Amino acid sequence: MPDMDQDRFSLYQTHVQTNVGFTSFMTAVVVFFTGLLLASYRTYDESIKVPISYLIISVFGFLYSTLIYTNSAEEVSHKREAAFKKSMFLGDVISEYLGVYLLVISIPMVVGAVTNDLFLRAVTIISSLAGLMLYQFSHVSMIERHFRKEHKILAFLALLFGLALFTAQIYHFYFVQIATLYIIFVLLITYMASRLKNFSNP
């Protein structure tokens, strides 16, 4: 593998700094949010356990992706392009699926656990699902880059799981079971994406 030229070297450095900044910020936000919920854990509906669990996993998703991005800076400094791309790819996979996907789905469930206000619940659920749908089908999402043939099916399943979770929480119908299935789904696509061999951006 030839050494990086100076322009690409500078671009990769900027890429690392941007990603580290984003995931570090998201780690801090989710830790703060989770801490607030845990501080008054017993005052909420019992269903709060599920979104708190999702938030805890999301914290580690953002944290470990930050560590991976940070370590990739060494590959840039030694101009090892293939190793750098592999590290960045893995960081993207972890932050996207274990970080973003669980965070986005957990927020409406937190609202559902702390209030019975139907308007607030509806606004949060609609915002969450509409935003996720727009992101997934806007040709900029990681899931489309990672799964060119299956991304529509996987994106639809993510939305369907979100809708099922919100409905199950409201009606207390197989909520924990569906939440467990969603975790398995997220872990599965994380594993599948991490096994891809093409580390270059499409």
C-alpha atoms as a PDB file:
ATOM      1  CA  MET A   1       0.000   0.000   0.000  1.00  0.00           C
ATOM      2  CA  PRO A   2       1.598   3.297  -1.029  1.00  0.00           C
ATOM      3  CA  ASP A   3       2.024   6.045   1.519  1.00  0.00           C
ATOM      4  CA  MET A   4      -0.633   8.686   1.776  1.00  0.00           C
ATOM      5  CA  ASP A   5       0.008  11.916  -0.037  1.00  0.00           C
ATOM      6  CA  GLN A   6      -0.061  15.121   2.014  1.00  0.00           C
ATOM      7  CA  ASP A   7      -3.593  16.134   0.995  1.00  0.00           C
ATOM      8  CA  ARG A   8      -5.102  12.823   2.018  1.00  0.00           C
ATOM      9  CA  PHE A   9      -3.030  12.855   5.212  1.00  0.00           C
ATOM     10  CA  SER A  10      -4.539  16.227   6.173  1.00  0.00           C
ATOM     11  CA  LEU A  11      -8.039  15.069   5.187  1.00  0.00           C
ATOM     12  CA  TYR A  12      -7.765  11.952   7.340  1.00  0.00           C
ATOM     13  CA  GLN A  13      -6.532  13.967  10.304  1.00  0.00           C
ATOM     14  CA  THR A  14      -9.563  16.243   9.988  1.00  0.00           C
ATOM     15  CA  HIS A  15     -11.823  13.212   9.688  1.00  0.00           C
ATOM     16  CA  VAL A  16     -10.448  11.760  12.920  1.00  0.00           C
ATOM     17  CA  GLN A  17     -10.828  15.051  14.786  1.00  0.00           C
ATOM     18  CA  THR A  18     -14.429  15.489  13.593  1.00  0.00           C
ATOM     19  CA  ASN A  19     -15.477  11.965  14.561  1.00  0.00           C
ATOM     20  CA  VAL A  20     -13.739  12.083  17.937  1.00  0.00           C
ATOM     21  CA  GLY A  21     -15.407  15.418  18.682  1.00  0.00           C
ATOM     22  CA  PHE A  22     -18.866  14.123  17.757  1.00  0.00           C
ATOM     23  CA  THR A  23     -18.737  10.815  19.623  1.00  0.00           C
ATOM     24  CA  SER A  24     -17.109  12.414  22.683  1.00  0.00           C
ATOM     25  CA  PHE A  25     -19.926  14.961  22.813  1.00  0.00           C
ATOM     26  CA  MET A  26     -22.584  12.253  22.377  1.00  0.00           C
ATOM     27  CA  THR A  27     -20.980  10.136  25.103  1.00  0.00           C
ATOM     28  CA  ALA A  28     -21.162  13.080  27.518  1.00  0.00           C
ATOM     29  CA  VAL A  29     -24.775  13.872  26.570  1.00  0.00           C
ATOM     30  CA  VAL A  30     -25.997  10.300  26.985  1.00  0.00           C
ATOM     31  CA  VAL A  31     -24.093   9.831  30.275  1.00  0.00           C
ATOM     32  CA  PHE A  32     -25.682  13.017  31.638  1.00  0.00           C
ATOM     33  CA  PHE A  33     -29.156  11.998  30.429  1.00  0.00           C
ATOM     34  CA  THR A  34     -28.803   8.499  31.886  1.00  0.00           C
ATOM     35  CA  GLY A  35     -27.500   9.882  35.179  1.00  0.00           C
ATOM     36  CA  LEU A  36     -30.546  12.104  35.572  1.00  0.00           C
ATOM     37  CA  LEU A  37     -32.863   9.154  35.016  1.00  0.00           C
ATOM     38  CA  LEU A  38     -30.980   6.887  37.418  1.00  0.00           C
ATOM     39  CA  ALA A  39     -31.007   9.558  40.133  1.00  0.00           C
ATOM     40  CA  SER A  40     -34.813   9.326  40.358  1.00  0.00           C
ATOM     41  CA  TYR A  41     -35.183   5.839  38.929  1.00  0.00           C
ATOM     42  CA  ARG A  42     -37.844   4.575  41.356  1.00  0.00           C
ATOM     43  CA  THR A  43     -40.212   7.497  40.772  1.00  0.00           C
ATOM     44  CA  TYR A  44     -40.940   6.472  37.172  1.00  0.00           C
ATOM     45  CA  ASP A  45     -43.026   3.759  35.592  1.00  0.00           C
ATOM     46  CA  GLU A  46     -41.384   0.332  35.643  1.00  0.00           C
ATOM     47  CA  SER A  47     -41.018   0.433  31.855  1.00  0.00           C
ATOM     48  CA  ILE A  48     -38.171   2.948  32.320  1.00  0.00           C
ATOM     49  CA  LYS A  49     -35.838  -0.049  32.699  1.00  0.00           C
ATOM     50  CA  VAL A  50     -35.820  -0.688  28.956  1.00  0.00           C
ATOM     51  CA  PRO A  51     -34.843   2.806  27.724  1.00  0.00           C
ATOM     52  CA  ILE A  52     -32.255   3.124  30.506  1.00  0.00           C
ATOM     53  CA  SER A  53     -30.758  -0.180  29.360  1.00  0.00           C
ATOM     54  CA  TYR A  54     -30.676   1.132  25.787  1.00  0.00           C
ATOM     55  CA  LEU A  55     -29.031   4.356  26.941  1.00  0.00           C
ATOM     56  CA  ILE A  56     -26.348   2.459  28.861  1.00  0.00           C
ATOM     57  CA  ILE A  57     -25.513   0.420  25.761  1.00  0.00           C
ATOM     58  CA  SER A  58     -25.548   3.631  23.716  1.00  0.00           C
ATOM     59  CA  VAL A  59     -23.023   5.198  26.108  1.00  0.00           C
ATOM     60  CA  PHE A  60     -20.615   2.335  25.531  1.00  0.00           C
ATOM     61  CA  GLY A  61     -21.274   2.449  21.797  1.00  0.00           C
ATOM     62  CA  PHE A  62     -20.214   6.090  21.615  1.00  0.00           C
ATOM     63  CA  LEU A  63     -17.385   5.597  24.125  1.00  0.00           C
ATOM     64  CA  TYR A  64     -15.737   2.682  22.324  1.00  0.00           C
ATOM     65  CA  SER A  65     -16.144   4.291  18.929  1.00  0.00           C
ATOM     66  CA  THR A  66     -14.371   7.355  20.359  1.00  0.00           C
ATOM     67  CA  LEU A  67     -11.513   5.147  21.528  1.00  0.00           C
ATOM     68  CA  ILE A  68     -11.287   3.508  18.104  1.00  0.00           C
ATOM     69  CA  TYR A  69     -11.284   6.875  16.319  1.00  0.00           C
ATOM     70  CA  THR A  70      -8.622   8.176  18.707  1.00  0.00           C
ATOM     71  CA  ASN A  71      -6.415   5.134  18.167  1.00  0.00           C
ATOM     72  CA  SER A  72      -6.777   5.511  14.406  1.00  0.00           C
ATOM     73  CA  ALA A  73      -4.848   8.783  14.691  1.00  0.00           C
ATOM     74  CA  GLU A  74      -1.717   6.680  15.208  1.00  0.00           C
ATOM     75  CA  GLU A  75      -2.358   4.942  11.889  1.00  0.00           C
ATOM     76  CA  VAL A  76      -2.619   8.359  10.221  1.00  0.00           C
ATOM     77  CA  SER A  77       0.624   9.552  11.793  1.00  0.00           C
ATOM     78  CA  HIS A  78       2.389   6.432  10.511  1.00  0.00           C
ATOM     79  CA  LYS A  79       0.614   6.792   7.164  1.00  0.00           C
ATOM     80  CA  ARG A  80      -0.880   3.312   7.270  1.00  0.00           C
ATOM     81  CA  GLU A  81      -3.903   3.965   5.112  1.00  0.00           C
ATOM     82  CA  ALA A  82      -5.447   0.478   5.114  1.00  0.00           C
ATOM     83  CA  ALA A  83      -5.280   0.191   8.913  1.00  0.00           C
ATOM     84  CA  PHE A  84      -6.683   3.717   9.270  1.00  0.00           C
ATOM     85  CA  LYS A  85      -9.682   2.953   7.026  1.00  0.00           C
ATOM     86  CA  LYS A  86     -10.379  -0.262   8.912  1.00  0.00           C
ATOM     87  CA  SER A  87     -10.375   1.562  12.262  1.00  0.00           C
ATOM     88  CA  MET A  88     -12.608   4.354  11.014  1.00  0.00           C
ATOM     89  CA  PHE A  89     -15.002   1.851   9.477  1.00  0.00           C
ATOM     90  CA  LEU A  90     -15.320  -0.079  12.737  1.00  0.00           C
ATOM     91  CA  GLY A  91     -15.817   3.135  14.699  1.00  0.00           C
ATOM     92  CA  ASP A  92     -18.586   4.171  12.298  1.00  0.00           C
ATOM     93  CA  VAL A  93     -20.330   0.812  12.688  1.00  0.00           C
ATOM     94  CA  ILE A  94     -20.302   0.893  16.492  1.00  0.00           C
ATOM     95  CA  SER A  95     -21.328   4.547  16.845  1.00  0.00           C
ATOM     96  CA  GLU A  96     -24.125   4.204  14.271  1.00  0.00           C
ATOM     97  CA  TYR A  97     -25.863   1.044  15.414  1.00  0.00           C
ATOM     98  CA  LEU A  98     -25.015   0.712  19.105  1.00  0.00           C
ATOM     99  CA  GLY A  99     -24.929   4.472  19.666  1.00  0.00           C
ATOM    100  CA  VAL A 100     -27.402   6.306  17.431  1.00  0.00           C
ATOM    101  CA  TYR A 101     -30.008   3.605  16.819  1.00  0.00           C
ATOM    102  CA  LEU A 102     -30.480   2.825  20.501  1.00  0.00           C
ATOM    103  CA  LEU A 103     -30.444   6.491  21.520  1.00  0.00           C
ATOM    104  CA  VAL A 104     -33.088   7.517  18.974  1.00  0.00           C
ATOM    105  CA  ILE A 105     -35.433   4.699  19.987  1.00  0.00           C
ATOM    106  CA  SER A 106     -34.891   5.180  23.733  1.00  0.00           C
ATOM    107  CA  ILE A 107     -35.937   8.853  23.882  1.00  0.00           C
ATOM    108  CA  PRO A 108     -39.675   8.307  23.142  1.00  0.00           C
ATOM    109  CA  MET A 109     -39.696   5.411  25.618  1.00  0.00           C
ATOM    110  CA  VAL A 110     -38.228   7.658  28.311  1.00  0.00           C
ATOM    111  CA  VAL A 111     -40.985  10.196  27.652  1.00  0.00           C
ATOM    112  CA  GLY A 112     -43.552   7.385  27.764  1.00  0.00           C
ATOM    113  CA  ALA A 113     -42.250   6.268  31.149  1.00  0.00           C
ATOM    114  CA  VAL A 114     -42.117   9.698  32.798  1.00  0.00           C
ATOM    115  CA  THR A 115     -45.444  11.123  31.583  1.00  0.00           C
ATOM    116  CA  ASN A 116     -48.900   9.950  30.569  1.00  0.00           C
ATOM    117  CA  ASP A 117     -49.468  13.034  28.433  1.00  0.00           C
ATOM    118  CA  LEU A 118     -50.623  11.683  25.069  1.00  0.00           C
ATOM    119  CA  PHE A 119     -49.614  14.822  23.185  1.00  0.00           C
ATOM    120  CA  LEU A 120     -46.009  14.693  24.397  1.00  0.00           C
ATOM    121  CA  ARG A 121     -45.835  10.984  23.701  1.00  0.00           C
ATOM    122  CA  ALA A 122     -47.228  11.397  20.188  1.00  0.00           C
ATOM    123  CA  VAL A 123     -44.895  14.289  19.321  1.00  0.00           C
ATOM    124  CA  THR A 124     -41.842  12.385  20.527  1.00  0.00           C
ATOM    125  CA  ILE A 125     -42.776   9.144  18.775  1.00  0.00           C
ATOM    126  CA  ILE A 126     -43.583  10.872  15.480  1.00  0.00           C
ATOM    127  CA  SER A 127     -40.390  12.950  15.633  1.00  0.00           C
ATOM    128  CA  SER A 128     -38.284   9.898  16.385  1.00  0.00           C
ATOM    129  CA  LEU A 129     -39.708   7.651  13.666  1.00  0.00           C
ATOM    130  CA  ALA A 130     -40.035  10.392  11.035  1.00  0.00           C
ATOM    131  CA  GLY A 131     -36.468  11.551  11.636  1.00  0.00           C
ATOM    132  CA  LEU A 132     -35.126   8.003  11.541  1.00  0.00           C
ATOM    133  CA  MET A 133     -37.049   7.248   8.347  1.00  0.00           C
ATOM    134  CA  LEU A 134     -35.831  10.436   6.656  1.00  0.00           C
ATOM    135  CA  TYR A 135     -32.248   9.691   7.669  1.00  0.00           C
ATOM    136  CA  GLN A 136     -32.322   6.060   6.579  1.00  0.00           C
ATOM    137  CA  PHE A 137     -33.821   6.755   3.158  1.00  0.00           C
ATOM    138  CA  SER A 138     -31.908   9.951   2.363  1.00  0.00           C
ATOM    139  CA  HIS A 139     -28.919   8.132   0.792  1.00  0.00           C
ATOM    140  CA  VAL A 140     -26.531   9.342   3.519  1.00  0.00           C
ATOM    141  CA  SER A 141     -27.089   6.731   6.234  1.00  0.00           C
ATOM    142  CA  MET A 142     -24.527   4.117   7.214  1.00  0.00           C
ATOM    143  CA  ILE A 143     -27.026   1.309   6.824  1.00  0.00           C
ATOM    144  CA  GLU A 144     -27.357   2.096   3.108  1.00  0.00           C
ATOM    145  CA  ARG A 145     -23.580   2.210   2.682  1.00  0.00           C
ATOM    146  CA  HIS A 146     -23.090  -1.055   4.545  1.00  0.00           C
ATOM    147  CA  PHE A 147     -26.005  -3.015   3.087  1.00  0.00           C
ATOM    148  CA  ARG A 148     -26.581  -1.860  -0.463  1.00  0.00           C
ATOM    149  CA  LYS A 149     -28.995  -4.667  -1.334  1.00  0.00           C
ATOM    150  CA  GLU A 150     -30.741  -5.194   1.991  1.00  0.00           C
ATOM    151  CA  HIS A 151     -30.766  -1.668   3.421  1.00  0.00           C
ATOM    152  CA  LYS A 152     -34.449  -0.983   2.684  1.00  0.00           C
ATOM    153  CA  ILE A 153     -35.539  -4.144   4.466  1.00  0.00           C
ATOM    154  CA  LEU A 154     -33.264  -3.477   7.451  1.00  0.00           C
ATOM    155  CA  ALA A 155     -34.333   0.172   7.637  1.00  0.00           C
ATOM    156  CA  PHE A 156     -37.997  -0.850   7.528  1.00  0.00           C
ATOM    157  CA  LEU A 157     -37.414  -3.425  10.293  1.00  0.00           C
ATOM    158  CA  ALA A 158     -35.773  -0.769  12.483  1.00  0.00           C
ATOM    159  CA  LEU A 159     -38.802   1.488  12.044  1.00  0.00           C
ATOM    160  CA  LEU A 160     -41.189  -1.404  12.656  1.00  0.00           C
ATOM    161  CA  PHE A 161     -39.361  -2.315  15.863  1.00  0.00           C
ATOM    162  CA  GLY A 162     -39.580   1.301  17.012  1.00  0.00           C
ATOM    163  CA  LEU A 163     -43.334   1.442  16.392  1.00  0.00           C
ATOM    164  CA  ALA A 164     -43.826  -1.939  18.069  1.00  0.00           C
ATOM    165  CA  LEU A 165     -41.840  -0.838  21.129  1.00  0.00           C
ATOM    166  CA  PHE A 166     -43.763   2.388  21.576  1.00  0.00           C
ATOM    167  CA  THR A 167     -47.099   0.597  21.182  1.00  0.00           C
ATOM    168  CA  ALA A 168     -46.089  -2.224  23.532  1.00  0.00           C
ATOM    169  CA  GLN A 169     -45.023   0.281  26.182  1.00  0.00           C
ATOM    170  CA  ILE A 170     -48.337   2.113  26.043  1.00  0.00           C
ATOM    171  CA  TYR A 171     -50.471  -1.031  26.204  1.00  0.00           C
ATOM    172  CA  HIS A 172     -48.067  -3.105  28.369  1.00  0.00           C
ATOM    173  CA  PHE A 173     -48.042  -5.844  25.756  1.00  0.00           C
ATOM    174  CA  TYR A 174     -44.842  -7.968  25.434  1.00  0.00           C
ATOM    175  CA  PHE A 175     -42.759  -4.842  25.975  1.00  0.00           C
ATOM    176  CA  VAL A 176     -39.658  -6.547  27.410  1.00  0.00           C
ATOM    177  CA  GLN A 177     -39.788  -9.310  24.815  1.00  0.00           C
ATOM    178  CA  ILE A 178     -39.930  -6.865  21.898  1.00  0.00           C
ATOM    179  CA  ALA A 179     -37.189  -4.771  23.502  1.00  0.00           C
ATOM    180  CA  THR A 180     -35.001  -7.878  23.701  1.00  0.00           C
ATOM    181  CA  LEU A 181     -35.659  -8.700  20.050  1.00  0.00           C
ATOM    182  CA  TYR A 182     -34.673  -5.163  19.055  1.00  0.00           C
ATOM    183  CA  ILE A 183     -31.382  -5.494  20.947  1.00  0.00           C
ATOM    184  CA  ILE A 184     -30.701  -8.751  19.114  1.00  0.00           C
ATOM    185  CA  PHE A 185     -31.552  -7.061  15.792  1.00  0.00           C
ATOM    186  CA  VAL A 186     -29.160  -4.163  16.481  1.00  0.00           C
ATOM    187  CA  LEU A 187     -26.377  -6.513  17.591  1.00  0.00           C
ATOM    188  CA  LEU A 188     -26.914  -8.627  14.481  1.00  0.00           C
ATOM    189  CA  ILE A 189     -26.623  -5.744  12.015  1.00  0.00           C
ATOM    190  CA  THR A 190     -23.625  -4.412  13.976  1.00  0.00           C
ATOM    191  CA  TYR A 191     -21.909  -7.775  13.618  1.00  0.00           C
ATOM    192  CA  MET A 192     -22.856  -8.113   9.937  1.00  0.00           C
ATOM    193  CA  ALA A 193     -21.571  -4.625   9.151  1.00  0.00           C
ATOM    194  CA  SER A 194     -18.327  -5.174  11.079  1.00  0.00           C
ATOM    195  CA  ARG A 195     -17.589  -8.252   8.967  1.00  0.00           C
ATOM    196  CA  LEU A 196     -17.675  -6.333   5.684  1.00  0.00           C
ATOM    197  CA  LYS A 197     -14.346  -6.257   3.875  1.00  0.00           C
ATOM    198  CA  ASN A 198     -14.679  -2.969   1.992  1.00  0.00           C
ATOM    199  CA  PHE A 199     -13.479  -0.221   4.342  1.00  0.00           C
ATOM    200  CA  SER A 200     -13.471   2.525   1.715  1.00  0.00           C
ATOM    201  CA  ASN A 201     -16.278   5.015   1.553  1.00  0.00           C
ATOM    202  CA  PRO A 202     -18.576   4.203  -1.392  1.00  0.00           C
END
